Amino acid sequence: MPITAVTAFRRDAPPQISRPAPWSMAEIPIDAIGANANTFFDDQDYLVLPVRNWADRALPTWYERRYGDAEIVWLSLPRARGRASA
């Protein structure tokens, strides 16, 4: 796959968690490092994602942190016409 096609995003809950609302998705800027200088993302390449974890971004109470402070980042490719993304 072309190295420029890789995207990263995070799913977030709305600030007012007491009201049910759909998840929002925010794209995360990434640096795709091509270690072997070709234009494809392969086993020698890597990604740098400057992200803050959920606890640092949301400043939750101790009760909201009961399940942990982790951040999940999703990697994807843009959807091609008529095909699902990988």
PDB file of N, CA and C in Angstrom:
ATOM      1  N   MET A   1       0.831  -1.168   0.000  1.00  0.00           N
ATOM      2  CA  MET A   1       0.000   0.000   0.000  1.00  0.00           C
ATOM      3  C   MET A   1       0.879   1.236   0.000  1.00  0.00           C
ATOM      4  N   PRO A   2       0.454   2.310  -0.640  1.00  0.00           N
ATOM      5  CA  PRO A   2       1.250   3.539  -0.640  1.00  0.00           C
ATOM      6  C   PRO A   2       1.372   4.097   0.773  1.00  0.00           C
ATOM      7  N   ILE A   3       2.541   4.558   1.125  1.00  0.00           N
ATOM      8  CA  ILE A   3       2.791   5.054   2.480  1.00  0.00           C
ATOM      9  C   ILE A   3       1.933   6.290   2.790  1.00  0.00           C
ATOM     10  N   THR A   4       1.580   7.061   1.781  1.00  0.00           N
ATOM     11  CA  THR A   4       0.766   8.259   1.995  1.00  0.00           C
ATOM     12  C   THR A   4      -0.709   7.937   2.230  1.00  0.00           C
ATOM     13  N   ALA A   5      -1.126   6.697   2.008  1.00  0.00           N
ATOM     14  CA  ALA A   5      -2.530   6.317   2.164  1.00  0.00           C
ATOM     15  C   ALA A   5      -2.894   5.938   3.595  1.00  0.00           C
ATOM     16  N   VAL A   6      -1.918   5.727   4.467  1.00  0.00           N
ATOM     17  CA  VAL A   6      -2.202   5.314   5.834  1.00  0.00           C
ATOM     18  C   VAL A   6      -2.749   6.499   6.624  1.00  0.00           C
ATOM     19  N   THR A   7      -3.872   6.304   7.322  1.00  0.00           N
ATOM     20  CA  THR A   7      -4.447   7.343   8.172  1.00  0.00           C
ATOM     21  C   THR A   7      -4.657   6.783   9.576  1.00  0.00           C
ATOM     22  N   ALA A   8      -4.736   7.681  10.545  1.00  0.00           N
ATOM     23  CA  ALA A   8      -4.994   7.292  11.932  1.00  0.00           C
ATOM     24  C   ALA A   8      -6.122   8.157  12.468  1.00  0.00           C
ATOM     25  N   PHE A   9      -6.965   7.559  13.304  1.00  0.00           N
ATOM     26  CA  PHE A   9      -8.037   8.338  13.912  1.00  0.00           C
ATOM     27  C   PHE A   9      -8.406   7.746  15.264  1.00  0.00           C
ATOM     28  N   ARG A  10      -9.125   8.562  16.038  1.00  0.00           N
ATOM     29  CA  ARG A  10      -9.544   8.182  17.380  1.00  0.00           C
ATOM     30  C   ARG A  10     -11.050   8.378  17.482  1.00  0.00           C
ATOM     31  N   ARG A  11     -11.727   7.462  18.145  1.00  0.00           N
ATOM     32  CA  ARG A  11     -13.158   7.622  18.424  1.00  0.00           C
ATOM     33  C   ARG A  11     -13.302   8.219  19.808  1.00  0.00           C
ATOM     34  N   ASP A  12     -14.165   9.219  19.939  1.00  0.00           N
ATOM     35  CA  ASP A  12     -14.354   9.893  21.215  1.00  0.00           C
ATOM     36  C   ASP A  12     -15.823   9.977  21.575  1.00  0.00           C
ATOM     37  N   ALA A  13     -16.097   9.973  22.855  1.00  0.00           N
ATOM     38  CA  ALA A  13     -17.444  10.226  23.345  1.00  0.00           C
ATOM     39  C   ALA A  13     -17.627  11.738  23.446  1.00  0.00           C
ATOM     40  N   PRO A  14     -18.847  12.212  23.373  1.00  0.00           N
ATOM     41  CA  PRO A  14     -19.078  13.654  23.511  1.00  0.00           C
ATOM     42  C   PRO A  14     -18.736  14.121  24.927  1.00  0.00           C
ATOM     43  N   PRO A  15     -18.445  15.417  25.091  1.00  0.00           N
ATOM     44  CA  PRO A  15     -18.088  15.920  26.429  1.00  0.00           C
ATOM     45  C   PRO A  15     -19.185  15.674  27.469  1.00  0.00           C
ATOM     46  N   GLN A  16     -20.451  15.792  27.075  1.00  0.00           N
ATOM     47  CA  GLN A  16     -21.558  15.535  28.001  1.00  0.00           C
ATOM     48  C   GLN A  16     -21.919  14.059  27.936  1.00  0.00           C
ATOM     49  N   ILE A  17     -21.200  13.234  28.660  1.00  0.00           N
ATOM     50  CA  ILE A  17     -21.376  11.793  28.583  1.00  0.00           C
ATOM     51  C   ILE A  17     -22.748  11.358  29.098  1.00  0.00           C
ATOM     52  N   SER A  18     -23.423  12.219  29.879  1.00  0.00           N
ATOM     53  CA  SER A  18     -24.736  11.846  30.417  1.00  0.00           C
ATOM     54  C   SER A  18     -25.805  11.801  29.332  1.00  0.00           C
ATOM     55  N   ARG A  19     -25.582  12.503  28.227  1.00  0.00           N
ATOM     56  CA  ARG A  19     -26.537  12.468  27.115  1.00  0.00           C
ATOM     57  C   ARG A  19     -26.037  11.488  26.067  1.00  0.00           C
ATOM     58  N   PRO A  20     -26.835  10.513  25.693  1.00  0.00           N
ATOM     59  CA  PRO A  20     -26.379   9.583  24.650  1.00  0.00           C
ATOM     60  C   PRO A  20     -26.211  10.310  23.315  1.00  0.00           C
ATOM     61  N   ALA A  21     -25.110  10.087  22.699  1.00  0.00           N
ATOM     62  CA  ALA A  21     -24.829  10.689  21.392  1.00  0.00           C
ATOM     63  C   ALA A  21     -23.897   9.763  20.631  1.00  0.00           C
ATOM     64  N   PRO A  22     -23.862   9.875  19.343  1.00  0.00           N
ATOM     65  CA  PRO A  22     -22.938   9.017  18.578  1.00  0.00           C
ATOM     66  C   PRO A  22     -21.484   9.397  18.854  1.00  0.00           C
ATOM     67  N   TRP A  23     -20.638   8.444  18.592  1.00  0.00           N
ATOM     68  CA  TRP A  23     -19.202   8.692  18.713  1.00  0.00           C
ATOM     69  C   TRP A  23     -18.773   9.732  17.689  1.00  0.00           C
ATOM     70  N   SER A  24     -17.785  10.505  18.038  1.00  0.00           N
ATOM     71  CA  SER A  24     -17.167  11.397  17.062  1.00  0.00           C
ATOM     72  C   SER A  24     -15.822  10.778  16.684  1.00  0.00           C
ATOM     73  N   MET A  25     -15.380  11.062  15.477  1.00  0.00           N
ATOM     74  CA  MET A  25     -14.100  10.539  15.024  1.00  0.00           C
ATOM     75  C   MET A  25     -13.202  11.724  14.679  1.00  0.00           C
ATOM     76  N   ALA A  26     -11.979  11.705  15.195  1.00  0.00           N
ATOM     77  CA  ALA A  26     -11.013  12.762  14.936  1.00  0.00           C
ATOM     78  C   ALA A  26      -9.785  12.153  14.285  1.00  0.00           C
ATOM     79  N   GLU A  27      -9.416  12.695  13.142  1.00  0.00           N
ATOM     80  CA  GLU A  27      -8.205  12.203  12.478  1.00  0.00           C
ATOM     81  C   GLU A  27      -6.989  12.718  13.238  1.00  0.00           C
ATOM     82  N   ILE A  28      -5.974  11.876  13.338  1.00  0.00           N
ATOM     83  CA  ILE A  28      -4.743  12.208  14.059  1.00  0.00           C
ATOM     84  C   ILE A  28      -3.636  12.409  13.030  1.00  0.00           C
ATOM     85  N   PRO A  29      -2.910  13.522  13.113  1.00  0.00           N
ATOM     86  CA  PRO A  29      -1.786  13.691  12.188  1.00  0.00           C
ATOM     87  C   PRO A  29      -0.695  12.662  12.502  1.00  0.00           C
ATOM     88  N   ILE A  30      -0.167  12.051  11.465  1.00  0.00           N
ATOM     89  CA  ILE A  30       0.873  11.040  11.660  1.00  0.00           C
ATOM     90  C   ILE A  30       2.071  11.355  10.777  1.00  0.00           C
ATOM     91  N   ASP A  31       3.202  10.842  11.171  1.00  0.00           N
ATOM     92  CA  ASP A  31       4.402  10.859  10.341  1.00  0.00           C
ATOM     93  C   ASP A  31       4.678   9.416   9.952  1.00  0.00           C
ATOM     94  N   ALA A  32       4.574   9.118   8.677  1.00  0.00           N
ATOM     95  CA  ALA A  32       4.899   7.782   8.175  1.00  0.00           C
ATOM     96  C   ALA A  32       6.351   7.812   7.730  1.00  0.00           C
ATOM     97  N   ILE A  33       7.187   7.071   8.410  1.00  0.00           N
ATOM     98  CA  ILE A  33       8.624   7.070   8.148  1.00  0.00           C
ATOM     99  C   ILE A  33       8.955   5.902   7.229  1.00  0.00           C
ATOM    100  N   GLY A  34       9.402   6.222   6.029  1.00  0.00           N
ATOM    101  CA  GLY A  34       9.801   5.208   5.058  1.00  0.00           C
ATOM    102  C   GLY A  34      11.270   4.884   5.223  1.00  0.00           C
ATOM    103  N   ALA A  35      11.580   3.841   5.973  1.00  0.00           N
ATOM    104  CA  ALA A  35      12.964   3.504   6.292  1.00  0.00           C
ATOM    105  C   ALA A  35      13.771   3.071   5.077  1.00  0.00           C
ATOM    106  N   ASN A  36      13.112   2.483   4.091  1.00  0.00           N
ATOM    107  CA  ASN A  36      13.854   1.997   2.931  1.00  0.00           C
ATOM    108  C   ASN A  36      13.661   2.890   1.709  1.00  0.00           C
ATOM    109  N   ALA A  37      13.061   4.056   1.896  1.00  0.00           N
ATOM    110  CA  ALA A  37      12.937   5.092   0.858  1.00  0.00           C
ATOM    111  C   ALA A  37      12.122   4.691  -0.366  1.00  0.00           C
ATOM    112  N   ASN A  38      11.304   3.627  -0.271  1.00  0.00           N
ATOM    113  CA  ASN A  38      10.382   3.373  -1.368  1.00  0.00           C
ATOM    114  C   ASN A  38       9.051   4.046  -1.019  1.00  0.00           C
ATOM    115  N   THR A  39       8.089   4.001  -1.855  1.00  0.00           N
ATOM    116  CA  THR A  39       6.836   4.718  -1.617  1.00  0.00           C
ATOM    117  C   THR A  39       5.745   3.838  -1.021  1.00  0.00           C
ATOM    118  N   PHE A  40       6.105   2.627  -0.581  1.00  0.00           N
ATOM    119  CA  PHE A  40       5.123   1.703  -0.022  1.00  0.00           C
ATOM    120  C   PHE A  40       5.366   1.482   1.463  1.00  0.00           C
ATOM    121  N   PHE A  41       4.271   1.313   2.212  1.00  0.00           N
ATOM    122  CA  PHE A  41       4.379   1.006   3.635  1.00  0.00           C
ATOM    123  C   PHE A  41       4.609  -0.494   3.771  1.00  0.00           C
ATOM    124  N   ASP A  42       5.800  -0.863   4.210  1.00  0.00           N
ATOM    125  CA  ASP A  42       6.138  -2.282   4.337  1.00  0.00           C
ATOM    126  C   ASP A  42       6.801  -2.547   5.681  1.00  0.00           C
ATOM    127  N   ASP A  43       7.396  -3.721   5.840  1.00  0.00           N
ATOM    128  CA  ASP A  43       7.886  -4.160   7.147  1.00  0.00           C
ATOM    129  C   ASP A  43       9.037  -3.341   7.724  1.00  0.00           C
ATOM    130  N   GLN A  44       9.698  -2.514   6.943  1.00  0.00           N
ATOM    131  CA  GLN A  44      10.800  -1.700   7.469  1.00  0.00           C
ATOM    132  C   GLN A  44      10.346  -0.298   7.871  1.00  0.00           C
ATOM    133  N   ASP A  45       9.133   0.072   7.531  1.00  0.00           N
ATOM    134  CA  ASP A  45       8.628   1.411   7.809  1.00  0.00           C
ATOM    135  C   ASP A  45       7.896   1.448   9.152  1.00  0.00           C
ATOM    136  N   TYR A  46       7.690   2.656   9.665  1.00  0.00           N
ATOM    137  CA  TYR A  46       6.974   2.792  10.936  1.00  0.00           C
ATOM    138  C   TYR A  46       6.237   4.119  10.983  1.00  0.00           C
ATOM    139  N   LEU A  47       5.343   4.233  11.966  1.00  0.00           N
ATOM    140  CA  LEU A  47       4.520   5.430  12.135  1.00  0.00           C
ATOM    141  C   LEU A  47       4.848   6.108  13.454  1.00  0.00           C
ATOM    142  N   VAL A  48       4.793   7.431  13.457  1.00  0.00           N
ATOM    143  CA  VAL A  48       4.934   8.215  14.675  1.00  0.00           C
ATOM    144  C   VAL A  48       3.631   8.977  14.857  1.00  0.00           C
ATOM    145  N   LEU A  49       2.970   8.756  15.994  1.00  0.00           N
ATOM    146  CA  LEU A  49       1.683   9.393  16.277  1.00  0.00           C
ATOM    147  C   LEU A  49       1.806  10.208  17.565  1.00  0.00           C
ATOM    148  N   PRO A  50       1.815  11.525  17.466  1.00  0.00           N
ATOM    149  CA  PRO A  50       1.902  12.348  18.678  1.00  0.00           C
ATOM    150  C   PRO A  50       0.526  12.473  19.336  1.00  0.00           C
ATOM    151  N   VAL A  51       0.175  11.554  20.230  1.00  0.00           N
ATOM    152  CA  VAL A  51      -1.141  11.567  20.869  1.00  0.00           C
ATOM    153  C   VAL A  51      -1.001  11.641  22.390  1.00  0.00           C
ATOM    154  N   ARG A  52      -1.997  12.252  22.994  1.00  0.00           N
ATOM    155  CA  ARG A  52      -2.113  12.248  24.452  1.00  0.00           C
ATOM    156  C   ARG A  52      -3.127  11.178  24.821  1.00  0.00           C
ATOM    157  N   ASN A  53      -2.905  10.510  25.940  1.00  0.00           N
ATOM    158  CA  ASN A  53      -3.864   9.476  26.319  1.00  0.00           C
ATOM    159  C   ASN A  53      -5.161  10.114  26.810  1.00  0.00           C
ATOM    160  N   TRP A  54      -6.183   9.294  26.942  1.00  0.00           N
ATOM    161  CA  TRP A  54      -7.509   9.763  27.295  1.00  0.00           C
ATOM    162  C   TRP A  54      -7.516  10.514  28.624  1.00  0.00           C
ATOM    163  N   ALA A  55      -6.814  10.000  29.613  1.00  0.00           N
ATOM    164  CA  ALA A  55      -6.808  10.632  30.934  1.00  0.00           C
ATOM    165  C   ALA A  55      -6.198  12.032  30.884  1.00  0.00           C
ATOM    166  N   ASP A  56      -5.167  12.223  30.094  1.00  0.00           N
ATOM    167  CA  ASP A  56      -4.551  13.548  29.973  1.00  0.00           C
ATOM    168  C   ASP A  56      -5.436  14.519  29.197  1.00  0.00           C
ATOM    169  N   ARG A  57      -6.176  14.012  28.208  1.00  0.00           N
ATOM    170  CA  ARG A  57      -7.038  14.887  27.403  1.00  0.00           C
ATOM    171  C   ARG A  57      -8.331  15.248  28.106  1.00  0.00           C
ATOM    172  N   ALA A  58      -8.973  14.273  28.763  1.00  0.00           N
ATOM    173  CA  ALA A  58     -10.312  14.457  29.313  1.00  0.00           C
ATOM    174  C   ALA A  58     -10.321  14.900  30.779  1.00  0.00           C
ATOM    175  N   LEU A  59      -9.221  14.695  31.486  1.00  0.00           N
ATOM    176  CA  LEU A  59      -9.136  14.989  32.916  1.00  0.00           C
ATOM    177  C   LEU A  59     -10.326  14.406  33.682  1.00  0.00           C
ATOM    178  N   PRO A  60     -10.511  13.100  33.598  1.00  0.00           N
ATOM    179  CA  PRO A  60     -11.673  12.459  34.229  1.00  0.00           C
ATOM    180  C   PRO A  60     -11.533  12.374  35.748  1.00  0.00           C
ATOM    181  N   THR A  61     -12.658  12.139  36.397  1.00  0.00           N
ATOM    182  CA  THR A  61     -12.654  11.905  37.840  1.00  0.00           C
ATOM    183  C   THR A  61     -12.100  10.512  38.103  1.00  0.00           C
ATOM    184  N   TRP A  62     -11.838  10.225  39.366  1.00  0.00           N
ATOM    185  CA  TRP A  62     -11.323   8.889  39.692  1.00  0.00           C
ATOM    186  C   TRP A  62     -12.343   7.811  39.305  1.00  0.00           C
ATOM    187  N   TYR A  63     -13.632   8.117  39.429  1.00  0.00           N
ATOM    188  CA  TYR A  63     -14.653   7.138  39.082  1.00  0.00           C
ATOM    189  C   TYR A  63     -14.673   6.860  37.578  1.00  0.00           C
ATOM    190  N   GLU A  64     -14.514   7.901  36.770  1.00  0.00           N
ATOM    191  CA  GLU A  64     -14.480   7.716  35.318  1.00  0.00           C
ATOM    192  C   GLU A  64     -13.241   6.942  34.867  1.00  0.00           C
ATOM    193  N   ARG A  65     -12.195   6.973  35.670  1.00  0.00           N
ATOM    194  CA  ARG A  65     -10.949   6.285  35.319  1.00  0.00           C
ATOM    195  C   ARG A  65     -10.935   4.831  35.767  1.00  0.00           C
ATOM    196  N   ARG A  66     -12.047   4.324  36.302  1.00  0.00           N
ATOM    197  CA  ARG A  66     -12.061   2.968  36.871  1.00  0.00           C
ATOM    198  C   ARG A  66     -11.721   1.880  35.855  1.00  0.00           C
ATOM    199  N   TYR A  67     -11.906   2.151  34.570  1.00  0.00           N
ATOM    200  CA  TYR A  67     -11.588   1.141  33.548  1.00  0.00           C
ATOM    201  C   TYR A  67     -10.221   1.355  32.918  1.00  0.00           C
ATOM    202  N   GLY A  68      -9.519   2.391  33.304  1.00  0.00           N
ATOM    203  CA  GLY A  68      -8.177   2.616  32.793  1.00  0.00           C
ATOM    204  C   GLY A  68      -8.024   3.943  32.084  1.00  0.00           C
ATOM    205  N   ASP A  69      -6.799   4.228  31.698  1.00  0.00           N
ATOM    206  CA  ASP A  69      -6.439   5.500  31.075  1.00  0.00           C
ATOM    207  C   ASP A  69      -5.973   5.341  29.637  1.00  0.00           C
ATOM    208  N   ALA A  70      -6.152   4.183  29.080  1.00  0.00           N
ATOM    209  CA  ALA A  70      -5.580   3.880  27.769  1.00  0.00           C
ATOM    210  C   ALA A  70      -6.209   4.687  26.644  1.00  0.00           C
ATOM    211  N   GLU A  71      -5.493   4.803  25.581  1.00  0.00           N
ATOM    212  CA  GLU A  71      -5.967   5.440  24.348  1.00  0.00           C
ATOM    213  C   GLU A  71      -5.887   4.407  23.243  1.00  0.00           C
ATOM    214  N   ILE A  72      -6.914   4.332  22.426  1.00  0.00           N
ATOM    215  CA  ILE A  72      -6.915   3.419  21.287  1.00  0.00           C
ATOM    216  C   ILE A  72      -6.858   4.253  20.015  1.00  0.00           C
ATOM    217  N   VAL A  73      -5.932   3.925  19.165  1.00  0.00           N
ATOM    218  CA  VAL A  73      -5.778   4.613  17.885  1.00  0.00           C
ATOM    219  C   VAL A  73      -6.034   3.596  16.790  1.00  0.00           C
ATOM    220  N   TRP A  74      -6.880   3.958  15.833  1.00  0.00           N
ATOM    221  CA  TRP A  74      -7.238   3.079  14.721  1.00  0.00           C
ATOM    222  C   TRP A  74      -6.450   3.490  13.496  1.00  0.00           C
ATOM    223  N   LEU A  75      -5.874   2.529  12.806  1.00  0.00           N
ATOM    224  CA  LEU A  75      -5.174   2.781  11.548  1.00  0.00           C
ATOM    225  C   LEU A  75      -6.031   2.263  10.413  1.00  0.00           C
ATOM    226  N   SER A  76      -6.050   2.994   9.303  1.00  0.00           N
ATOM    227  CA  SER A  76      -6.922   2.612   8.205  1.00  0.00           C
ATOM    228  C   SER A  76      -6.360   3.114   6.887  1.00  0.00           C
ATOM    229  N   LEU A  77      -6.978   2.637   5.847  1.00  0.00           N
ATOM    230  CA  LEU A  77      -6.730   3.127   4.494  1.00  0.00           C
ATOM    231  C   LEU A  77      -8.017   3.769   4.001  1.00  0.00           C
ATOM    232  N   PRO A  78      -7.923   4.781   3.160  1.00  0.00           N
ATOM    233  CA  PRO A  78      -9.154   5.346   2.598  1.00  0.00           C
ATOM    234  C   PRO A  78      -9.914   4.275   1.835  1.00  0.00           C
ATOM    235  N   ARG A  79     -11.220   4.349   1.894  1.00  0.00           N
ATOM    236  CA  ARG A  79     -12.072   3.367   1.228  1.00  0.00           C
ATOM    237  C   ARG A  79     -12.025   3.570  -0.286  1.00  0.00           C
ATOM    238  N   ALA A  80     -11.725   2.515  -1.002  1.00  0.00           N
ATOM    239  CA  ALA A  80     -11.743   2.561  -2.462  1.00  0.00           C
ATOM    240  C   ALA A  80     -13.181   2.408  -2.941  1.00  0.00           C
ATOM    241  N   ARG A  81     -13.494   2.906  -4.092  1.00  0.00           N
ATOM    242  CA  ARG A  81     -14.861   2.831  -4.612  1.00  0.00           C
ATOM    243  C   ARG A  81     -15.309   1.362  -4.711  1.00  0.00           C
ATOM    244  N   GLY A  82     -16.406   1.048  -3.999  1.00  0.00           N
ATOM    245  CA  GLY A  82     -16.974  -0.299  -4.063  1.00  0.00           C
ATOM    246  C   GLY A  82     -16.250  -1.326  -3.208  1.00  0.00           C
ATOM    247  N   ARG A  83     -15.259  -0.902  -2.406  1.00  0.00           N
ATOM    248  CA  ARG A  83     -14.518  -1.855  -1.583  1.00  0.00           C
ATOM    249  C   ARG A  83     -14.414  -1.305  -0.167  1.00  0.00           C
ATOM    250  N   ALA A  84     -14.427  -2.194   0.802  1.00  0.00           N
ATOM    251  CA  ALA A  84     -14.268  -1.792   2.198  1.00  0.00           C
ATOM    252  C   ALA A  84     -12.802  -1.492   2.468  1.00  0.00           C
ATOM    253  N   SER A  85     -12.544  -0.625   3.446  1.00  0.00           N
ATOM    254  CA  SER A  85     -11.160  -0.308   3.797  1.00  0.00           C
ATOM    255  C   SER A  85     -10.541  -1.462   4.575  1.00  0.00           C
ATOM    256  N   ALA A  86      -9.233  -1.560   4.536  1.00  0.00           N
ATOM    257  CA  ALA A  86      -8.526  -2.661   5.201  1.00  0.00           C
ATOM    258  C   ALA A  86      -8.130  -2.278   6.604  1.00  0.00           C
TER     259      ALA A  86
END
